[in-house]
Amino acid sequence: MKKYLLAGFGAIALTTLAACNNDDGNGTTIASIEGGENITQEELFDDLKMNQQASGALQNAFFSNLTEQLLAMAGEDMEFSEEQIETMIATLQEEFGVTSEEELVELVTTNLGLEDRDDMVDNLIIPELTLIELQSQDLDYGEEDLVAYFEDNRDLYEQVEARHIIVEEEDLANEIIDELNDGADFAELAEEHGTDGTAATGGDLGFFTRADMDEAFAEAAFDLEVGETTSEPVESGFGYHIIEKTDEAMEYEELPEAANMAVERAYIEENGRDFLTVIVDLLDENEITIEDEFFQDFIEQIRAQANQPAPEEQPVEEDGQETDEETDEPTDSEEESTDEESNE
């Protein structure tokens, strides 16, 4: 869902322009030029429609807004617990790489024009939970299915917890390692020498997956035993790290709650009802009038895409055997080989 619902991150200005363009005539005047023609919102809006790149962003922003409202309305008839809401918030924190709920609220209020946490819950969290509910309709699954999905996608979901001290110079990193070996406190050294935002919290990074970190950093962190610290500085694109692994979640039942939800969401997206099918059903269930042909055409494209049948899989014969149809007639090369053998 994220690629649709949150497409507004890159197109928020276009959405704002479209929303403001609701006056009669030529729309709100943006600039007046003495001796020339006024520049209006309507004219800029029309220009955007004609621009290939901008028109796509404009349609995505429109679809994101429409999708958000449809899911929020559908969610009014559903009951979600505060625990589900908190877990989804934590899941989105991980997906967007922020370490606290406050940072997530700041991110979405800045980029999506939402006002506060309550607004985020109503217009982002509830739609996400609603989509999961609608996609999972008629999908019969249990924890064993989620465990199996986790096993098949371990690299995406295995997590470790760690803290680090990052500095700019390798020599300083080696000196810090020596101090740690002599019994110095890791958190105190992180606060003293760390050059990133984690210094204030003793270098704490929380839980993370391999994909969340620089490749060299992730490899070093995952290779450590719990409680072990890197014996040499780990170089990344950000500097030199000293890493201590503080915990790990390498099995499904060990994952944080937010990671469990991420596994379940991925499983549902892969095995449940298609996202576009869900949205087209909501379009049919609600009375929607689209005045602009530009956007109406886009919705018709969405409908057509949702109604396309899934490509049929070709049957695979066991043990690599071909079908009878394929083996009934020999190829030209086989005929030639047979003729040669019979002449010998």
C-alpha atoms as a PDB file:
ATOM      1  CA  MET A   1       0.000   0.000   0.000  1.00  0.00           C
ATOM      2  CA  LYS A   2       2.776   2.373   0.879  1.00  0.00           C
ATOM      3  CA  LYS A   3       3.819   3.088  -2.693  1.00  0.00           C
ATOM      4  CA  TYR A   4       0.302   4.410  -3.390  1.00  0.00           C
ATOM      5  CA  LEU A   5      -0.862   5.915  -0.133  1.00  0.00           C
ATOM      6  CA  LEU A   6       2.430   7.663   0.561  1.00  0.00           C
ATOM      7  CA  ALA A   7       3.149   8.723  -3.002  1.00  0.00           C
ATOM      8  CA  GLY A   8       2.205  12.191  -1.789  1.00  0.00           C
ATOM      9  CA  PHE A   9       5.674  12.522  -0.260  1.00  0.00           C
ATOM     10  CA  GLY A  10       7.010  13.454  -3.688  1.00  0.00           C
ATOM     11  CA  ALA A  11       3.931  15.184  -5.004  1.00  0.00           C
ATOM     12  CA  ILE A  12       2.554  17.166  -2.081  1.00  0.00           C
ATOM     13  CA  ALA A  13       3.092  20.463  -3.881  1.00  0.00           C
ATOM     14  CA  LEU A  14       1.098  19.213  -6.861  1.00  0.00           C
ATOM     15  CA  THR A  15      -1.733  18.072  -4.607  1.00  0.00           C
ATOM     16  CA  THR A  16      -1.810  21.432  -2.846  1.00  0.00           C
ATOM     17  CA  LEU A  17      -1.946  23.253  -6.152  1.00  0.00           C
ATOM     18  CA  ALA A  18      -4.805  21.048  -7.339  1.00  0.00           C
ATOM     19  CA  ALA A  19      -6.734  21.539  -4.097  1.00  0.00           C
ATOM     20  CA  CYS A  20      -6.381  25.299  -4.267  1.00  0.00           C
ATOM     21  CA  ASN A  21      -7.554  25.422  -7.873  1.00  0.00           C
ATOM     22  CA  ASN A  22     -11.274  25.505  -7.143  1.00  0.00           C
ATOM     23  CA  ASP A  23     -12.236  29.025  -8.218  1.00  0.00           C
ATOM     24  CA  ASP A  24     -14.430  29.874 -11.187  1.00  0.00           C
ATOM     25  CA  GLY A  25     -12.982  31.405 -14.306  1.00  0.00           C
ATOM     26  CA  ASN A  26      -9.232  31.231 -14.679  1.00  0.00           C
ATOM     27  CA  GLY A  27      -8.519  30.317 -11.070  1.00  0.00           C
ATOM     28  CA  THR A  28      -6.536  32.147  -8.410  1.00  0.00           C
ATOM     29  CA  THR A  29      -3.940  34.568  -9.751  1.00  0.00           C
ATOM     30  CA  ILE A  30      -0.404  33.705  -8.693  1.00  0.00           C
ATOM     31  CA  ALA A  31       1.404  36.597 -10.384  1.00  0.00           C
ATOM     32  CA  SER A  32       0.425  39.740 -12.246  1.00  0.00           C
ATOM     33  CA  ILE A  33       2.681  41.157 -14.923  1.00  0.00           C
ATOM     34  CA  GLU A  34       2.152  44.765 -15.930  1.00  0.00           C
ATOM     35  CA  GLY A  35       1.558  44.827 -19.636  1.00  0.00           C
ATOM     36  CA  GLY A  36       1.351  41.020 -19.765  1.00  0.00           C
ATOM     37  CA  GLU A  37      -1.003  38.211 -18.805  1.00  0.00           C
ATOM     38  CA  ASN A  38      -1.677  36.980 -15.295  1.00  0.00           C
ATOM     39  CA  ILE A  39      -0.287  33.591 -14.233  1.00  0.00           C
ATOM     40  CA  THR A  40      -3.061  31.573 -12.633  1.00  0.00           C
ATOM     41  CA  GLN A  41      -3.230  28.300 -10.762  1.00  0.00           C
ATOM     42  CA  GLU A  42      -5.510  26.850 -13.400  1.00  0.00           C
ATOM     43  CA  GLU A  43      -3.004  27.545 -16.157  1.00  0.00           C
ATOM     44  CA  LEU A  44      -0.174  25.948 -14.188  1.00  0.00           C
ATOM     45  CA  PHE A  45      -2.411  22.993 -13.396  1.00  0.00           C
ATOM     46  CA  ASP A  46      -3.165  22.512 -17.084  1.00  0.00           C
ATOM     47  CA  ASP A  47       0.522  22.792 -17.899  1.00  0.00           C
ATOM     48  CA  LEU A  48       1.314  20.053 -15.398  1.00  0.00           C
ATOM     49  CA  LYS A  49      -1.188  17.750 -17.080  1.00  0.00           C
ATOM     50  CA  MET A  50       0.617  18.225 -20.382  1.00  0.00           C
ATOM     51  CA  ASN A  51       4.032  17.457 -18.896  1.00  0.00           C
ATOM     52  CA  GLN A  52       4.681  13.713 -19.041  1.00  0.00           C
ATOM     53  CA  GLN A  53       6.628  13.456 -15.769  1.00  0.00           C
ATOM     54  CA  ALA A  54       4.498  15.920 -13.832  1.00  0.00           C
ATOM     55  CA  SER A  55       1.223  14.391 -15.046  1.00  0.00           C
ATOM     56  CA  GLY A  56       2.189  11.004 -13.631  1.00  0.00           C
ATOM     57  CA  ALA A  57       3.060  12.534 -10.272  1.00  0.00           C
ATOM     58  CA  LEU A  58      -0.206  14.468 -10.321  1.00  0.00           C
ATOM     59  CA  GLN A  59      -2.245  11.317 -11.003  1.00  0.00           C
ATOM     60  CA  ASN A  60      -0.383   9.403  -8.280  1.00  0.00           C
ATOM     61  CA  ALA A  61      -1.028  12.206  -5.801  1.00  0.00           C
ATOM     62  CA  PHE A  62      -4.714  12.211  -6.731  1.00  0.00           C
ATOM     63  CA  PHE A  63      -4.916   8.436  -6.384  1.00  0.00           C
ATOM     64  CA  SER A  64      -3.116   8.560  -3.029  1.00  0.00           C
ATOM     65  CA  ASN A  65      -5.585  11.103  -1.711  1.00  0.00           C
ATOM     66  CA  LEU A  66      -8.549   9.144  -3.036  1.00  0.00           C
ATOM     67  CA  THR A  67      -7.219   5.850  -1.683  1.00  0.00           C
ATOM     68  CA  GLU A  68      -6.522   7.359   1.721  1.00  0.00           C
ATOM     69  CA  GLN A  69     -10.083   8.652   2.018  1.00  0.00           C
ATOM     70  CA  LEU A  70     -11.705   5.425   0.809  1.00  0.00           C
ATOM     71  CA  LEU A  71      -9.731   3.317   3.279  1.00  0.00           C
ATOM     72  CA  ALA A  72     -10.322   5.781   6.121  1.00  0.00           C
ATOM     73  CA  MET A  73     -14.079   5.634   5.430  1.00  0.00           C
ATOM     74  CA  ALA A  74     -14.027   1.837   5.293  1.00  0.00           C
ATOM     75  CA  GLY A  75     -12.095   1.828   8.561  1.00  0.00           C
ATOM     76  CA  GLU A  76     -14.920   3.660  10.319  1.00  0.00           C
ATOM     77  CA  ASP A  77     -16.855   0.389  10.365  1.00  0.00           C
ATOM     78  CA  MET A  78     -13.950  -1.543  11.848  1.00  0.00           C
ATOM     79  CA  GLU A  79     -12.614  -1.638  15.377  1.00  0.00           C
ATOM     80  CA  PHE A  80      -8.868  -1.442  15.901  1.00  0.00           C
ATOM     81  CA  SER A  81      -7.318  -1.646  19.337  1.00  0.00           C
ATOM     82  CA  GLU A  82      -4.811   0.865  20.650  1.00  0.00           C
ATOM     83  CA  GLU A  83      -2.298  -1.984  20.641  1.00  0.00           C
ATOM     84  CA  GLN A  84      -2.807  -2.497  16.884  1.00  0.00           C
ATOM     85  CA  ILE A  85      -2.405   1.232  16.310  1.00  0.00           C
ATOM     86  CA  GLU A  86       0.782   1.386  18.392  1.00  0.00           C
ATOM     87  CA  THR A  87       2.211  -1.648  16.600  1.00  0.00           C
ATOM     88  CA  MET A  88       1.503  -0.126  13.184  1.00  0.00           C
ATOM     89  CA  ILE A  89       3.157   3.097  14.291  1.00  0.00           C
ATOM     90  CA  ALA A  90       6.225   1.133  15.360  1.00  0.00           C
ATOM     91  CA  THR A  91       6.199  -0.738  12.027  1.00  0.00           C
ATOM     92  CA  LEU A  92       6.137   2.509  10.064  1.00  0.00           C
ATOM     93  CA  GLN A  93       8.938   3.871  12.236  1.00  0.00           C
ATOM     94  CA  GLU A  94      11.097   1.004  11.033  1.00  0.00           C
ATOM     95  CA  GLU A  95      10.042   1.399   7.420  1.00  0.00           C
ATOM     96  CA  PHE A  96      10.871   5.101   7.377  1.00  0.00           C
ATOM     97  CA  GLY A  97      14.041   4.777   9.431  1.00  0.00           C
ATOM     98  CA  VAL A  98      13.025   6.918  12.413  1.00  0.00           C
ATOM     99  CA  THR A  99      13.670   5.926  16.002  1.00  0.00           C
ATOM    100  CA  SER A 100      10.653   7.381  17.796  1.00  0.00           C
ATOM    101  CA  GLU A 101       6.969   8.053  17.368  1.00  0.00           C
ATOM    102  CA  GLU A 102       7.675  11.767  17.649  1.00  0.00           C
ATOM    103  CA  GLU A 103      10.018  11.612  14.652  1.00  0.00           C
ATOM    104  CA  LEU A 104       7.405   9.735  12.617  1.00  0.00           C
ATOM    105  CA  VAL A 105       4.759  12.340  13.470  1.00  0.00           C
ATOM    106  CA  GLU A 106       7.145  15.101  12.427  1.00  0.00           C
ATOM    107  CA  LEU A 107       7.933  13.292   9.182  1.00  0.00           C
ATOM    108  CA  VAL A 108       4.317  12.799   8.115  1.00  0.00           C
ATOM    109  CA  THR A 109       3.122  16.210   9.282  1.00  0.00           C
ATOM    110  CA  THR A 110       5.910  17.862   7.308  1.00  0.00           C
ATOM    111  CA  ASN A 111       5.546  15.809   4.136  1.00  0.00           C
ATOM    112  CA  LEU A 112       1.862  14.905   4.050  1.00  0.00           C
ATOM    113  CA  GLY A 113       0.326  18.055   5.454  1.00  0.00           C
ATOM    114  CA  LEU A 114      -1.130  16.253   8.485  1.00  0.00           C
ATOM    115  CA  GLU A 115      -1.550  18.217  11.680  1.00  0.00           C
ATOM    116  CA  ASP A 116      -0.667  15.977  14.620  1.00  0.00           C
ATOM    117  CA  ARG A 117      -0.626  12.408  15.940  1.00  0.00           C
ATOM    118  CA  ASP A 118      -4.411  12.095  15.931  1.00  0.00           C
ATOM    119  CA  ASP A 119      -4.493  13.257  12.324  1.00  0.00           C
ATOM    120  CA  MET A 120      -1.773  10.732  11.483  1.00  0.00           C
ATOM    121  CA  VAL A 121      -3.749   7.927  13.104  1.00  0.00           C
ATOM    122  CA  ASP A 122      -6.956   8.869  11.259  1.00  0.00           C
ATOM    123  CA  ASN A 123      -5.393   9.416   7.836  1.00  0.00           C
ATOM    124  CA  LEU A 124      -2.427   7.039   7.759  1.00  0.00           C
ATOM    125  CA  ILE A 125      -2.526   4.373  10.475  1.00  0.00           C
ATOM    126  CA  ILE A 126      -6.240   3.473  10.209  1.00  0.00           C
ATOM    127  CA  PRO A 127      -6.088   3.251   6.384  1.00  0.00           C
ATOM    128  CA  GLU A 128      -3.060   0.941   6.650  1.00  0.00           C
ATOM    129  CA  LEU A 129      -4.820  -1.323   9.155  1.00  0.00           C
ATOM    130  CA  THR A 130      -7.995  -1.241   7.068  1.00  0.00           C
ATOM    131  CA  LEU A 131      -6.107  -2.328   3.975  1.00  0.00           C
ATOM    132  CA  ILE A 132      -4.618  -5.299   5.846  1.00  0.00           C
ATOM    133  CA  GLU A 133      -8.130  -6.272   6.973  1.00  0.00           C
ATOM    134  CA  LEU A 134      -9.592  -6.007   3.465  1.00  0.00           C
ATOM    135  CA  GLN A 135      -6.717  -7.796   1.744  1.00  0.00           C
ATOM    136  CA  SER A 136      -6.866 -10.669   4.226  1.00  0.00           C
ATOM    137  CA  GLN A 137     -10.579 -11.313   3.706  1.00  0.00           C
ATOM    138  CA  ASP A 138     -11.133 -14.978   2.827  1.00  0.00           C
ATOM    139  CA  LEU A 139      -7.415 -15.675   3.400  1.00  0.00           C
ATOM    140  CA  ASP A 140      -7.079 -18.622   5.751  1.00  0.00           C
ATOM    141  CA  TYR A 141      -3.702 -18.510   7.463  1.00  0.00           C
ATOM    142  CA  GLY A 142      -2.148 -19.031  10.857  1.00  0.00           C
ATOM    143  CA  GLU A 143       1.111 -18.537  12.698  1.00  0.00           C
ATOM    144  CA  GLU A 144       2.658 -21.573  11.024  1.00  0.00           C
ATOM    145  CA  ASP A 145       2.173 -19.852   7.651  1.00  0.00           C
ATOM    146  CA  LEU A 146       3.860 -16.702   8.922  1.00  0.00           C
ATOM    147  CA  VAL A 147       6.746 -18.716  10.368  1.00  0.00           C
ATOM    148  CA  ALA A 148       7.197 -20.470   7.022  1.00  0.00           C
ATOM    149  CA  TYR A 149       7.139 -17.105   5.226  1.00  0.00           C
ATOM    150  CA  PHE A 150       9.745 -15.787   7.653  1.00  0.00           C
ATOM    151  CA  GLU A 151      11.950 -18.833   7.023  1.00  0.00           C
ATOM    152  CA  ASP A 152      11.760 -18.217   3.267  1.00  0.00           C
ATOM    153  CA  ASN A 153      12.704 -14.554   3.707  1.00  0.00           C
ATOM    154  CA  ARG A 154      15.111 -14.612   6.638  1.00  0.00           C
ATOM    155  CA  ASP A 155      17.476 -12.002   5.202  1.00  0.00           C
ATOM    156  CA  LEU A 156      14.656  -9.456   5.165  1.00  0.00           C
ATOM    157  CA  TYR A 157      13.455  -9.966   8.726  1.00  0.00           C
ATOM    158  CA  GLU A 158      16.279 -11.213  10.965  1.00  0.00           C
ATOM    159  CA  GLN A 159      17.236  -8.424  13.373  1.00  0.00           C
ATOM    160  CA  VAL A 160      19.974  -7.531  15.776  1.00  0.00           C
ATOM    161  CA  GLU A 161      20.121  -4.880  18.464  1.00  0.00           C
ATOM    162  CA  ALA A 162      23.329  -2.916  18.796  1.00  0.00           C
ATOM    163  CA  ARG A 163      24.967   0.297  19.865  1.00  0.00           C
ATOM    164  CA  HIS A 164      27.896   2.013  18.236  1.00  0.00           C
ATOM    165  CA  ILE A 165      30.432   4.771  18.505  1.00  0.00           C
ATOM    166  CA  ILE A 166      31.135   6.524  15.222  1.00  0.00           C
ATOM    167  CA  VAL A 167      34.135   8.790  14.704  1.00  0.00           C
ATOM    168  CA  GLU A 168      35.834  10.331  11.679  1.00  0.00           C
ATOM    169  CA  GLU A 169      39.379   9.069  12.262  1.00  0.00           C
ATOM    170  CA  GLU A 170      40.509   5.432  12.327  1.00  0.00           C
ATOM    171  CA  ASP A 171      43.260   6.152  14.876  1.00  0.00           C
ATOM    172  CA  LEU A 172      40.712   7.530  17.339  1.00  0.00           C
ATOM    173  CA  ALA A 173      38.496   4.486  16.771  1.00  0.00           C
ATOM    174  CA  ASN A 174      41.411   2.210  17.663  1.00  0.00           C
ATOM    175  CA  GLU A 175      42.114   4.241  20.809  1.00  0.00           C
ATOM    176  CA  ILE A 176      38.464   3.848  21.865  1.00  0.00           C
ATOM    177  CA  ILE A 177      38.670   0.086  21.335  1.00  0.00           C
ATOM    178  CA  ASP A 178      41.741   0.006  23.577  1.00  0.00           C
ATOM    179  CA  GLU A 179      39.844   1.919  26.259  1.00  0.00           C
ATOM    180  CA  LEU A 180      36.938  -0.527  26.026  1.00  0.00           C
ATOM    181  CA  ASN A 181      39.355  -3.435  26.385  1.00  0.00           C
ATOM    182  CA  ASP A 182      40.652  -1.769  29.541  1.00  0.00           C
ATOM    183  CA  GLY A 183      37.140  -1.696  31.011  1.00  0.00           C
ATOM    184  CA  ALA A 184      35.832   1.742  29.960  1.00  0.00           C
ATOM    185  CA  ASP A 185      32.050   2.221  29.774  1.00  0.00           C
ATOM    186  CA  PHE A 186      30.700   1.984  26.209  1.00  0.00           C
ATOM    187  CA  ALA A 187      27.851   4.466  26.688  1.00  0.00           C
ATOM    188  CA  GLU A 188      30.134   7.060  28.255  1.00  0.00           C
ATOM    189  CA  LEU A 189      32.609   6.792  25.382  1.00  0.00           C
ATOM    190  CA  ALA A 190      29.763   7.074  22.874  1.00  0.00           C
ATOM    191  CA  GLU A 191      28.554  10.257  24.532  1.00  0.00           C
ATOM    192  CA  GLU A 192      32.090  11.636  24.628  1.00  0.00           C
ATOM    193  CA  HIS A 193      33.259  10.759  21.110  1.00  0.00           C
ATOM    194  CA  GLY A 194      30.239   9.858  18.997  1.00  0.00           C
ATOM    195  CA  THR A 195      29.586  12.172  16.066  1.00  0.00           C
ATOM    196  CA  ASP A 196      26.000  11.237  15.214  1.00  0.00           C
ATOM    197  CA  GLY A 197      22.621  11.627  16.904  1.00  0.00           C
ATOM    198  CA  THR A 198      22.944   8.404  18.891  1.00  0.00           C
ATOM    199  CA  ALA A 199      25.782   9.816  20.999  1.00  0.00           C
ATOM    200  CA  ALA A 200      23.291  11.352  23.432  1.00  0.00           C
ATOM    201  CA  THR A 201      21.746   7.930  24.100  1.00  0.00           C
ATOM    202  CA  GLY A 202      24.996   6.017  24.502  1.00  0.00           C
ATOM    203  CA  GLY A 203      25.135   4.964  20.840  1.00  0.00           C
ATOM    204  CA  ASP A 204      21.908   2.943  21.024  1.00  0.00           C
ATOM    205  CA  LEU A 205      20.621   1.895  17.577  1.00  0.00           C
ATOM    206  CA  GLY A 206      17.782  -0.366  18.663  1.00  0.00           C
ATOM    207  CA  PHE A 207      16.838  -3.358  16.510  1.00  0.00           C
ATOM    208  CA  PHE A 208      17.552  -3.292  12.783  1.00  0.00           C
ATOM    209  CA  THR A 209      17.653  -5.578   9.752  1.00  0.00           C
ATOM    210  CA  ARG A 210      20.515  -6.029   7.319  1.00  0.00           C
ATOM    211  CA  ALA A 211      18.802  -3.744   4.826  1.00  0.00           C
ATOM    212  CA  ASP A 212      18.522  -0.924   7.362  1.00  0.00           C
ATOM    213  CA  MET A 213      22.276  -0.387   7.568  1.00  0.00           C
ATOM    214  CA  ASP A 214      25.347   0.150   5.440  1.00  0.00           C
ATOM    215  CA  GLU A 215      26.418  -3.260   4.090  1.00  0.00           C
ATOM    216  CA  ALA A 216      29.782  -3.343   5.887  1.00  0.00           C
ATOM    217  CA  PHE A 217      28.170  -2.208   9.152  1.00  0.00           C
ATOM    218  CA  ALA A 218      25.369  -4.780   8.911  1.00  0.00           C
ATOM    219  CA  GLU A 219      27.763  -7.631   8.134  1.00  0.00           C
ATOM    220  CA  ALA A 220      29.933  -6.792  11.139  1.00  0.00           C
ATOM    221  CA  ALA A 221      26.974  -6.402  13.500  1.00  0.00           C
ATOM    222  CA  PHE A 222      25.303  -9.661  12.462  1.00  0.00           C
ATOM    223  CA  ASP A 223      28.589 -11.586  12.729  1.00  0.00           C
ATOM    224  CA  LEU A 224      29.093 -10.598  16.382  1.00  0.00           C
ATOM    225  CA  GLU A 225      27.935 -12.669  19.318  1.00  0.00           C
ATOM    226  CA  VAL A 226      25.536 -11.002  21.760  1.00  0.00           C
ATOM    227  CA  GLY A 227      27.636  -8.910  24.161  1.00  0.00           C
ATOM    228  CA  GLU A 228      30.646  -8.887  21.815  1.00  0.00           C
ATOM    229  CA  THR A 229      32.295  -5.720  20.461  1.00  0.00           C
ATOM    230  CA  THR A 230      34.157  -5.374  17.185  1.00  0.00           C
ATOM    231  CA  SER A 231      37.902  -5.801  17.692  1.00  0.00           C
ATOM    232  CA  GLU A 232      38.687  -3.456  14.803  1.00  0.00           C
ATOM    233  CA  PRO A 233      36.980  -0.309  13.502  1.00  0.00           C
ATOM    234  CA  VAL A 234      34.332  -0.924  10.851  1.00  0.00           C
ATOM    235  CA  GLU A 235      34.530   1.575   8.003  1.00  0.00           C
ATOM    236  CA  SER A 236      31.363   2.751   6.296  1.00  0.00           C
ATOM    237  CA  GLY A 237      30.434   5.718   4.169  1.00  0.00           C
ATOM    238  CA  PHE A 238      29.795   7.674   7.369  1.00  0.00           C
ATOM    239  CA  GLY A 239      33.031   7.069   9.268  1.00  0.00           C
ATOM    240  CA  TYR A 240      34.593   4.459  11.540  1.00  0.00           C
ATOM    241  CA  HIS A 241      32.351   2.455  13.877  1.00  0.00           C
ATOM    242  CA  ILE A 242      32.919   0.498  17.047  1.00  0.00           C
ATOM    243  CA  ILE A 243      29.902  -1.829  17.347  1.00  0.00           C
ATOM    244  CA  GLU A 244      28.576  -3.746  20.318  1.00  0.00           C
ATOM    245  CA  LYS A 245      25.830  -6.297  19.696  1.00  0.00           C
ATOM    246  CA  THR A 246      23.389  -6.208  22.607  1.00  0.00           C
ATOM    247  CA  ASP A 247      20.632  -8.604  21.464  1.00  0.00           C
ATOM    248  CA  GLU A 248      19.333 -10.481  18.448  1.00  0.00           C
ATOM    249  CA  ALA A 249      16.052 -11.770  17.022  1.00  0.00           C
ATOM    250  CA  MET A 250      16.956 -14.509  14.568  1.00  0.00           C
ATOM    251  CA  GLU A 251      13.731 -16.531  14.820  1.00  0.00           C
ATOM    252  CA  TYR A 252      10.143 -15.493  14.143  1.00  0.00           C
ATOM    253  CA  GLU A 253       9.054 -15.849  17.775  1.00  0.00           C
ATOM    254  CA  GLU A 254      11.939 -13.589  18.857  1.00  0.00           C
ATOM    255  CA  LEU A 255      11.010 -10.687  16.577  1.00  0.00           C
ATOM    256  CA  PRO A 256       9.749  -7.408  18.045  1.00  0.00           C
ATOM    257  CA  GLU A 257       5.998  -6.922  17.668  1.00  0.00           C
ATOM    258  CA  ALA A 258       6.456  -4.405  14.853  1.00  0.00           C
ATOM    259  CA  ALA A 259       8.571  -6.881  12.883  1.00  0.00           C
ATOM    260  CA  ASN A 260       5.896  -9.563  13.344  1.00  0.00           C
ATOM    261  CA  MET A 261       3.395  -7.189  11.799  1.00  0.00           C
ATOM    262  CA  ALA A 262       5.779  -6.471   8.920  1.00  0.00           C
ATOM    263  CA  VAL A 263       5.997 -10.207   8.194  1.00  0.00           C
ATOM    264  CA  GLU A 264       2.216 -10.542   8.345  1.00  0.00           C
ATOM    265  CA  ARG A 265       1.673  -7.536   6.069  1.00  0.00           C
ATOM    266  CA  ALA A 266       4.105  -8.926   3.499  1.00  0.00           C
ATOM    267  CA  TYR A 267       2.456 -12.351   3.653  1.00  0.00           C
ATOM    268  CA  ILE A 268      -1.000 -10.833   3.146  1.00  0.00           C
ATOM    269  CA  GLU A 269       0.166  -8.632   0.274  1.00  0.00           C
ATOM    270  CA  GLU A 270       1.626 -11.687  -1.444  1.00  0.00           C
ATOM    271  CA  ASN A 271      -1.217 -14.128  -0.776  1.00  0.00           C
ATOM    272  CA  GLY A 272      -4.310 -12.042  -0.108  1.00  0.00           C
ATOM    273  CA  ARG A 273      -6.505  -9.860  -2.287  1.00  0.00           C
ATOM    274  CA  ASP A 274      -4.684  -7.563  -4.670  1.00  0.00           C
ATOM    275  CA  PHE A 275      -4.390  -3.932  -3.584  1.00  0.00           C
ATOM    276  CA  LEU A 276      -5.973  -2.542  -6.747  1.00  0.00           C
ATOM    277  CA  THR A 277      -8.858  -5.007  -6.505  1.00  0.00           C
ATOM    278  CA  VAL A 278      -9.569  -3.795  -2.971  1.00  0.00           C
ATOM    279  CA  ILE A 279      -9.547  -0.151  -4.094  1.00  0.00           C
ATOM    280  CA  VAL A 280     -11.762  -0.788  -7.138  1.00  0.00           C
ATOM    281  CA  ASP A 281     -14.266  -2.542  -4.847  1.00  0.00           C
ATOM    282  CA  LEU A 282     -14.264   0.545  -2.604  1.00  0.00           C
ATOM    283  CA  LEU A 283     -14.761   2.766  -5.662  1.00  0.00           C
ATOM    284  CA  ASP A 284     -17.832   0.710  -6.538  1.00  0.00           C
ATOM    285  CA  GLU A 285     -19.187   0.796  -2.992  1.00  0.00           C
ATOM    286  CA  ASN A 286     -19.031   4.594  -2.702  1.00  0.00           C
ATOM    287  CA  GLU A 287     -20.646   7.325  -4.753  1.00  0.00           C
ATOM    288  CA  ILE A 288     -17.739   9.137  -6.390  1.00  0.00           C
ATOM    289  CA  THR A 289     -17.959  11.835  -9.036  1.00  0.00           C
ATOM    290  CA  ILE A 290     -14.771  12.788 -10.851  1.00  0.00           C
ATOM    291  CA  GLU A 291     -15.278  16.044 -12.706  1.00  0.00           C
ATOM    292  CA  ASP A 292     -11.942  16.142 -14.489  1.00  0.00           C
ATOM    293  CA  GLU A 293     -11.551  13.837 -17.508  1.00  0.00           C
ATOM    294  CA  PHE A 294      -7.780  13.709 -16.923  1.00  0.00           C
ATOM    295  CA  PHE A 295      -8.296  11.956 -13.585  1.00  0.00           C
ATOM    296  CA  GLN A 296     -11.326   9.963 -14.735  1.00  0.00           C
ATOM    297  CA  ASP A 297      -9.203   8.381 -17.477  1.00  0.00           C
ATOM    298  CA  PHE A 298      -6.599   7.463 -14.886  1.00  0.00           C
ATOM    299  CA  ILE A 299      -9.209   5.740 -12.701  1.00  0.00           C
ATOM    300  CA  GLU A 300     -10.411   3.776 -15.733  1.00  0.00           C
ATOM    301  CA  GLN A 301      -6.813   2.630 -16.260  1.00  0.00           C
ATOM    302  CA  ILE A 302      -6.744   1.471 -12.630  1.00  0.00           C
ATOM    303  CA  ARG A 303      -9.996  -0.432 -13.149  1.00  0.00           C
ATOM    304  CA  ALA A 304      -8.634  -2.110 -16.263  1.00  0.00           C
ATOM    305  CA  GLN A 305      -5.414  -3.039 -14.485  1.00  0.00           C
ATOM    306  CA  ALA A 306      -7.315  -4.524 -11.539  1.00  0.00           C
ATOM    307  CA  ASN A 307      -9.488  -6.623 -13.855  1.00  0.00           C
ATOM    308  CA  GLN A 308      -6.598  -8.135 -15.791  1.00  0.00           C
ATOM    309  CA  PRO A 309      -6.401 -11.865 -15.090  1.00  0.00           C
ATOM    310  CA  ALA A 310      -3.217 -13.157 -13.518  1.00  0.00           C
ATOM    311  CA  PRO A 311      -0.857 -14.737 -16.068  1.00  0.00           C
ATOM    312  CA  GLU A 312      -1.352 -18.485 -16.213  1.00  0.00           C
ATOM    313  CA  GLU A 313       1.587 -20.578 -15.089  1.00  0.00           C
ATOM    314  CA  GLN A 314       2.889 -23.100 -17.578  1.00  0.00           C
ATOM    315  CA  PRO A 315       2.668 -26.693 -16.306  1.00  0.00           C
ATOM    316  CA  VAL A 316       5.980 -28.144 -15.247  1.00  0.00           C
ATOM    317  CA  GLU A 317       6.509 -31.839 -15.817  1.00  0.00           C
ATOM    318  CA  GLU A 318       8.132 -33.871 -13.062  1.00  0.00           C
ATOM    319  CA  ASP A 319      11.775 -34.939 -13.399  1.00  0.00           C
ATOM    320  CA  GLY A 320      12.290 -32.504 -16.232  1.00  0.00           C
ATOM    321  CA  GLN A 321      10.180 -34.628 -18.642  1.00  0.00           C
ATOM    322  CA  GLU A 322       8.608 -32.853 -21.570  1.00  0.00           C
ATOM    323  CA  THR A 323       4.929 -33.229 -22.444  1.00  0.00           C
ATOM    324  CA  ASP A 324       3.772 -35.883 -24.925  1.00  0.00           C
ATOM    325  CA  GLU A 325       3.006 -33.150 -27.421  1.00  0.00           C
ATOM    326  CA  GLU A 326       6.596 -31.950 -27.249  1.00  0.00           C
ATOM    327  CA  THR A 327       8.109 -35.442 -27.618  1.00  0.00           C
ATOM    328  CA  ASP A 328       5.778 -36.999 -30.199  1.00  0.00           C
ATOM    329  CA  GLU A 329       7.663 -35.563 -33.153  1.00  0.00           C
ATOM    330  CA  PRO A 330      11.462 -35.626 -33.398  1.00  0.00           C
ATOM    331  CA  THR A 331      13.341 -32.470 -34.302  1.00  0.00           C
ATOM    332  CA  ASP A 332      15.110 -32.096 -37.638  1.00  0.00           C
ATOM    333  CA  SER A 333      18.464 -32.831 -35.998  1.00  0.00           C
ATOM    334  CA  GLU A 334      17.068 -36.002 -34.426  1.00  0.00           C
ATOM    335  CA  GLU A 335      15.732 -37.188 -37.806  1.00  0.00           C
ATOM    336  CA  GLU A 336      19.100 -36.581 -39.445  1.00  0.00           C
ATOM    337  CA  SER A 337      20.903 -38.492 -36.666  1.00  0.00           C
ATOM    338  CA  THR A 338      18.504 -41.436 -37.001  1.00  0.00           C
ATOM    339  CA  ASP A 339      18.971 -41.570 -40.771  1.00  0.00           C
ATOM    340  CA  GLU A 340      22.765 -41.578 -40.417  1.00  0.00           C
ATOM    341  CA  GLU A 341      22.681 -44.409 -37.864  1.00  0.00           C
ATOM    342  CA  SER A 342      20.453 -46.565 -40.074  1.00  0.00           C
ATOM    343  CA  ASN A 343      22.762 -46.102 -43.067  1.00  0.00           C
ATOM    344  CA  GLU A 344      25.839 -47.275 -41.159  1.00  0.00           C
END
